[in-house]
Protein backbone atom coordinates (compact mmCIF):
# COMPACT_ATOMS: atom_id res chain seq x y z
CA UNK A 1 18.49 7.29 11.90
CA UNK A 2 19.24 5.15 9.24
CA UNK A 3 16.84 4.02 6.39
CA UNK A 4 17.38 1.64 3.34
CA UNK A 5 14.18 2.11 0.87
CA UNK A 6 14.02 -0.21 -2.14
CA UNK A 7 12.08 1.24 -4.93
CA UNK A 8 13.65 4.87 -3.85
CA UNK A 9 13.28 6.14 -7.59
CA UNK A 10 9.52 5.64 -7.28
CA UNK A 11 6.97 8.19 -6.14
CA UNK A 12 6.30 7.30 -2.62
CA UNK A 13 9.93 6.26 -2.35
CA UNK A 14 11.35 9.63 -3.39
CA UNK A 15 9.17 11.54 -1.73
CA UNK A 16 9.73 9.67 1.56
CA UNK A 17 13.68 9.82 0.83
CA UNK A 18 13.50 13.74 0.17
CA UNK A 19 11.59 13.93 3.69
CA UNK A 20 13.84 11.71 5.85
CA UNK A 21 17.01 13.90 4.37
CA UNK A 22 15.41 17.05 5.16
CA UNK A 23 14.72 16.06 8.44
CA UNK A 24 18.36 14.89 8.97
CA UNK A 25 18.36 11.21 8.40
CA UNK A 26 20.19 9.02 6.69
CA UNK A 27 18.84 7.68 3.48
CA UNK A 28 20.47 4.17 0.88
CA UNK A 29 18.21 3.94 -1.87
CA UNK A 30 18.12 0.64 -3.86
CA UNK A 31 16.42 0.39 -7.68
CA UNK A 32 17.08 -0.87 -11.18
CA UNK A 33 16.97 2.52 -12.53
CA UNK A 34 18.30 6.53 -11.46
CA UNK A 35 15.98 8.48 -9.89
CA UNK A 36 14.73 11.14 -12.76
CA UNK A 37 13.47 13.78 -10.14
CA UNK A 38 16.83 14.11 -7.55
CA UNK A 39 20.54 13.05 -7.00
CA UNK A 40 20.28 13.51 -3.17
CA UNK A 41 19.38 10.11 -2.42
CA UNK A 42 22.24 7.88 -2.77
CA UNK A 43 20.93 5.11 -4.74
CA UNK A 44 22.50 1.45 -5.45
CA UNK A 45 21.63 0.31 -8.69
CA UNK A 46 20.26 -3.18 -8.20
CA UNK A 47 17.36 -5.53 -10.04
CA UNK A 48 16.25 -7.23 -7.00
CA UNK A 49 13.94 -9.43 -8.70
CA UNK A 50 17.03 -10.81 -10.27
CA UNK A 51 19.43 -10.34 -7.18
CA UNK A 52 19.97 -12.24 -4.07
CA UNK A 53 19.98 -11.11 -0.57
CA UNK A 54 23.29 -11.46 -0.39
CA UNK A 55 23.98 -8.52 -3.23
CA UNK A 56 22.17 -6.37 -1.47
CA UNK A 57 24.10 -3.65 0.82
CA UNK A 58 25.94 -5.61 3.45
CA UNK A 59 26.96 -2.82 6.02
CA UNK A 60 25.34 0.31 7.13
CA UNK A 61 23.71 -0.56 10.45
CA UNK A 62 20.26 0.51 9.29
CA UNK A 63 17.24 0.82 11.89
CA UNK A 64 14.80 0.16 8.85
CA UNK A 65 14.06 -1.01 5.32
CA UNK A 66 11.28 0.31 3.72
CA UNK A 67 10.56 -2.00 0.97
CA UNK A 68 8.55 -0.28 -2.10
CA UNK A 69 10.05 -1.60 -5.27
CA UNK A 70 7.38 -3.41 -7.54
CA UNK A 71 5.30 -3.04 -10.46
CA UNK A 72 2.52 -1.58 -9.73
CA UNK A 73 0.26 -1.26 -12.35
CA UNK A 74 -2.46 -3.45 -12.47
CA UNK A 75 -3.58 -3.86 -16.02
CA UNK A 76 -0.05 -3.96 -16.68
CA UNK A 77 0.48 -7.14 -14.90
CA UNK A 78 -2.47 -8.80 -16.59
CA UNK A 79 -0.85 -8.28 -19.54
CA UNK A 80 2.42 -9.27 -18.09
CA UNK A 81 1.77 -11.78 -15.54
CA UNK A 82 5.33 -12.75 -14.84
CA UNK A 83 6.17 -9.03 -13.54
CA UNK A 84 4.18 -10.04 -10.35
CA UNK A 85 6.42 -13.03 -10.03
CA UNK A 86 9.03 -10.58 -9.61
CA UNK A 87 7.25 -8.75 -7.02
CA UNK A 88 7.17 -11.65 -5.21
CA UNK A 89 10.93 -12.24 -5.71
CA UNK A 90 12.06 -8.86 -5.03
CA UNK A 91 10.03 -9.22 -1.11
CA UNK A 92 11.79 -12.61 -0.53
CA UNK A 93 15.09 -11.04 -1.13
CA UNK A 94 14.55 -8.45 0.90
CA UNK A 95 12.95 -10.51 3.73
CA UNK A 96 16.07 -12.51 3.72
CA UNK A 97 17.85 -9.24 3.95
CA UNK A 98 16.19 -8.05 6.88
CA UNK A 99 16.41 -11.72 8.78
CA UNK A 100 20.53 -11.77 8.08
CA UNK A 101 20.63 -8.39 9.72
CA UNK A 102 17.75 -8.40 12.18
CA UNK A 103 16.16 -5.43 10.65
CA UNK A 104 12.64 -4.36 10.74
CA UNK A 105 10.98 -4.34 7.63
CA UNK A 106 8.47 -2.00 6.32
CA UNK A 107 5.87 -3.35 3.21
CA UNK A 108 4.27 -1.16 0.68
CA UNK A 109 1.20 -3.71 -0.21
CA UNK A 110 -2.24 -2.22 -1.60
CA UNK A 111 -5.83 -2.18 -1.33
CA UNK A 112 -5.77 -4.54 -4.07
CA UNK A 113 -5.53 -7.50 -1.45
CA UNK A 114 -9.29 -7.11 -0.63
CA UNK A 115 -10.12 -7.87 -4.29
CA UNK A 116 -13.04 -6.37 -6.26
CA UNK A 117 -15.34 -5.41 -3.05
CA UNK A 118 -18.89 -3.35 -3.19
CA UNK A 119 -18.79 -1.93 0.60
CA UNK A 120 -18.38 1.53 1.51
CA UNK A 121 -15.67 0.70 3.99
CA UNK A 122 -13.30 -1.95 4.61
CA UNK A 123 -10.72 -2.42 7.68
CA UNK A 124 -7.75 -4.52 7.19
CA UNK A 125 -9.01 -7.46 8.80
CA UNK A 126 -11.35 -8.14 5.49
CA UNK A 127 -9.07 -9.04 3.16
CA UNK A 128 -9.64 -12.33 1.90
CA UNK A 129 -6.26 -14.32 0.71
CA UNK A 130 -8.56 -17.27 -0.98
CA UNK A 131 -8.88 -15.36 -4.03
CA UNK A 132 -6.83 -12.65 -5.78
CA UNK A 133 -8.83 -10.48 -8.57
CA UNK A 134 -5.41 -9.89 -10.43
CA UNK A 135 -1.54 -11.24 -10.64
CA UNK A 136 -0.94 -7.65 -8.75
CA UNK A 137 -2.70 -8.34 -5.87
CA UNK A 138 -1.83 -11.75 -5.69
CA UNK A 139 2.09 -10.37 -5.61
CA UNK A 140 0.99 -8.38 -2.80
CA UNK A 141 -1.00 -11.02 -0.97
CA UNK A 142 2.01 -13.23 -1.33
CA UNK A 143 4.67 -10.41 -0.20
CA UNK A 144 2.15 -10.22 3.13
CA UNK A 145 2.12 -13.73 3.61
CA UNK A 146 5.99 -13.86 3.30
CA UNK A 147 6.09 -11.16 5.71
CA UNK A 148 3.80 -12.99 8.28
CA UNK A 149 5.24 -16.11 7.93
CA UNK A 150 8.77 -14.18 8.61
CA UNK A 151 7.33 -12.63 11.94
CA UNK A 152 6.00 -16.18 13.26
CA UNK A 153 9.02 -18.56 12.01
CA UNK A 154 12.01 -15.75 12.74
CA UNK A 155 10.31 -12.90 15.20
CA UNK A 156 10.78 -10.30 12.60
CA UNK A 157 9.42 -6.89 13.16
CA UNK A 158 7.38 -5.74 10.72
CA UNK A 159 4.68 -2.95 9.49
CA UNK A 160 2.69 -3.58 6.30
CA UNK A 161 0.63 -0.34 4.87
CA UNK A 162 -1.94 -0.59 2.34
CA UNK A 163 -1.91 2.06 -0.21
CA UNK A 164 -4.86 3.49 -2.03
CA UNK A 165 -4.00 5.64 -4.94
CA UNK A 166 -1.36 7.71 -4.13
CA UNK A 167 -1.00 10.96 -6.45
CA UNK A 168 0.98 14.34 -6.96
CA UNK A 169 4.65 15.33 -6.83
CA UNK A 170 6.80 12.77 -8.48
CA UNK A 171 3.84 10.77 -9.81
CA UNK A 172 4.70 11.77 -13.95
CA UNK A 173 7.28 9.21 -14.92
CA UNK A 174 5.22 8.38 -17.77
CA UNK A 175 8.06 5.56 -19.11
CA UNK A 176 7.97 3.50 -16.32
CA UNK A 177 3.54 3.83 -15.58
CA UNK A 178 1.12 6.13 -16.77
CA UNK A 179 -0.76 6.94 -13.78
CA UNK A 180 -4.38 7.66 -13.72
CA UNK A 181 -4.13 11.51 -12.33
CA UNK A 182 -1.30 12.86 -14.47
CA UNK A 183 -2.45 11.09 -17.49
CA UNK A 184 -5.41 12.58 -17.34
CA UNK A 185 -4.57 15.87 -16.47
CA UNK A 186 -2.01 16.07 -19.24
CA UNK A 187 -4.27 15.14 -21.73
CA UNK A 188 -7.21 17.39 -20.61
CA UNK A 189 -4.91 20.22 -20.62
CA UNK A 190 -3.78 19.33 -24.21
CA UNK A 191 -7.49 19.09 -25.35
CA UNK A 192 -6.95 15.30 -26.16
CA UNK A 193 -9.52 12.86 -25.66
CA UNK A 194 -9.74 10.17 -22.71
CA UNK A 195 -10.74 7.40 -21.88
CA UNK A 196 -11.95 6.42 -18.59
CA UNK A 197 -12.34 2.61 -17.34
CA UNK A 198 -15.17 2.96 -15.09
CA UNK A 199 -17.51 5.89 -14.73
CA UNK A 200 -18.92 5.03 -11.80
CA UNK A 201 -15.24 3.01 -10.18
CA UNK A 202 -15.31 5.02 -6.53
CA UNK A 203 -11.52 4.66 -5.11
CA UNK A 204 -9.59 6.50 -2.18
CA UNK A 205 -7.32 8.49 -3.68
CA UNK A 206 -4.44 9.52 -1.30
CA UNK A 207 -2.21 12.79 -1.69
CA UNK A 208 1.64 12.08 -1.98
CA UNK A 209 1.69 14.72 1.06
CA UNK A 210 -0.63 12.82 3.47
CA UNK A 211 0.98 9.06 2.28
CA UNK A 212 4.27 10.19 3.32
CA UNK A 213 3.84 11.47 7.03
CA UNK A 214 1.92 8.26 7.41
CA UNK A 215 4.87 6.56 6.07
CA UNK A 216 7.38 8.56 8.41
CA UNK A 217 5.16 8.03 11.69
CA UNK A 218 5.74 4.24 10.93
CA UNK A 219 9.19 4.40 10.26
CA UNK A 220 9.73 6.37 13.85
CA UNK A 221 7.09 3.93 15.31
CA UNK A 222 8.81 0.79 14.58
CA UNK A 223 12.51 1.65 14.41
CA UNK A 224 11.27 2.95 18.25
CA UNK A 225 9.55 -0.43 19.05
CA UNK A 226 6.10 1.16 19.31
CA UNK A 227 4.69 -0.34 16.70
CA UNK A 228 5.16 -3.65 15.25
CA UNK A 229 3.15 -6.53 13.72
CA UNK A 230 0.59 -4.59 12.18
CA UNK A 231 -1.09 -3.77 8.85
CA UNK A 232 -2.59 -0.82 8.22
CA UNK A 233 -4.32 1.21 5.59
CA UNK A 234 -2.98 4.84 4.33
CA UNK A 235 -5.50 6.57 2.34
CA UNK A 236 -7.25 9.68 2.61
CA UNK A 237 -10.87 7.99 3.93
CA UNK A 238 -13.41 9.02 1.77
CA UNK A 239 -14.49 7.94 -1.59
CA UNK A 240 -14.44 9.61 -4.74
CA UNK A 241 -15.70 8.59 -8.29
CA UNK A 242 -13.67 8.18 -11.44
CA UNK A 243 -16.65 10.74 -12.94
CA UNK A 244 -15.58 13.29 -9.63
CA UNK A 245 -11.99 13.13 -10.80
CA UNK A 246 -12.55 13.97 -14.22
CA UNK A 247 -14.65 17.00 -13.44
CA UNK A 248 -12.64 18.33 -10.70
CA UNK A 249 -9.41 17.86 -13.71
CA UNK A 250 -11.78 19.96 -15.61
CA UNK A 251 -12.29 22.71 -13.18
CA UNK A 252 -8.79 22.91 -12.42
CA UNK A 253 -7.59 23.07 -15.57
CA UNK A 254 -10.87 25.50 -16.70
CA UNK A 255 -11.25 22.97 -19.73
CA UNK A 256 -13.78 20.69 -20.30
CA UNK A 257 -13.04 17.46 -20.63
CA UNK A 258 -13.34 14.87 -23.72
CA UNK A 259 -13.96 11.61 -22.19
CA UNK A 260 -15.55 8.33 -23.25
CA UNK A 261 -16.50 6.03 -20.33
CA UNK A 262 -15.95 2.21 -20.90
CA UNK A 263 -16.44 -0.46 -18.48
CA UNK A 264 -13.55 -1.31 -15.77
CA UNK A 265 -11.01 -3.71 -17.32
CA UNK A 266 -10.00 -7.26 -15.88
CA UNK A 267 -8.66 -7.43 -12.83
CA UNK A 268 -9.22 -3.83 -12.02
CA UNK A 269 -11.08 -2.73 -8.28
CA UNK A 270 -14.50 -1.01 -9.07
CA UNK A 271 -14.86 0.14 -5.60
CA UNK A 272 -12.66 1.12 -2.23
CA UNK A 273 -13.07 3.40 0.62
CA UNK A 274 -10.50 2.80 3.27
CA UNK A 275 -11.27 2.16 6.88
CA UNK A 276 -8.08 4.63 7.99
CA UNK A 277 -8.82 4.18 11.80
CA UNK A 278 -6.11 1.85 13.05
CA UNK A 279 -3.77 4.33 11.11
CA UNK A 280 -5.32 7.45 13.15
CA UNK A 281 -5.00 5.18 16.68
CA UNK A 282 -1.41 3.70 16.13
CA UNK A 283 0.23 6.37 14.39
CA UNK A 284 -1.75 9.38 14.98
CA UNK A 285 -2.31 10.03 11.08
CA UNK A 286 -4.64 12.55 9.91
CA UNK A 287 -4.67 13.42 6.43
CA UNK A 288 -5.01 16.94 5.72
CA UNK A 289 -5.75 16.98 1.58
CA UNK A 290 -8.57 15.73 0.11
CA UNK A 291 -8.93 15.12 -3.64
CA UNK A 292 -10.89 18.67 -4.04
CA UNK A 293 -7.55 20.36 -2.57
CA UNK A 294 -5.20 17.67 -4.00
CA UNK A 295 -5.94 18.17 -7.64
CA UNK A 296 -5.13 21.82 -7.74
CA UNK A 297 -1.72 21.21 -5.95
CA UNK A 298 -0.90 18.37 -8.64
CA UNK A 299 -2.08 20.67 -11.10
CA UNK A 300 0.35 23.14 -9.84
CA UNK A 301 3.25 21.11 -9.55
CA UNK A 302 3.19 19.81 -13.07
CA UNK A 303 2.96 23.41 -14.15
CA UNK A 304 5.76 24.22 -11.84
CA UNK A 305 7.85 21.76 -12.69
CA UNK A 306 7.37 21.87 -16.68
CA UNK A 307 5.58 18.43 -16.72
CA UNK A 308 2.61 20.46 -18.21
CA UNK A 309 3.11 22.36 -20.99
CA UNK A 310 -0.31 23.10 -22.29
């Protein structure tokens, strides 16, 4: 199989790309920056927010395009809303490429499209596209809307994954964006203070291997024509508070956290637990790693790679 991955230098793109290569597939990446983790993924350097679809690789006969390229930090896009517009431009360029080459698309969306809800479970039918909580959520809503319209008007096969707080291997690229779990691991390990925005915030944290398994199952299903035109939550399916997260990291490191708790910041979701029934039914998705196990794996990876020096 031949797969084109946009955002191939990011966490999910790197993990999926390497997993596909390991099983013998052909992978080409597109990203505006080099991959800081591996040189195994052949990558075309291209800023999709400034490029037209004609500048993307013309040849290749790809079976699927996995579109992951995006600015993905919610509060960063509150401060820099122009980057949310860039997310929409990137999605449009990739959709035009897929339309011209008649290639199915898999889109990396987010649980942010549901907004700041206060229910225990959210299913795929619950997103309210009338109200966006942040520029980032608006950019993902826009991307989904473009994809649904291309499916309606041009018959383009698609699969939308709504990711939720993916963590683990290759998530420590602080120069691009600070992710909460590696940031907390690093600072607690160094006995530095941390600021937690939302003591009671409850989120559905997804270990990267579970995410990769779901994405690859989706790639196979779309390429084989078994599944198309579906929007699917991809998460662990259980919620944990940020207080739980801090306590688990402290336990894993054997160091008491120096934590200051402040209210959630503008645009941030304060409660989300995914309903993963559809992922199970359509893709045979069965996540294996709860947060209690995943934090230990994340700490181990950061230590083994030298990312965590404390």
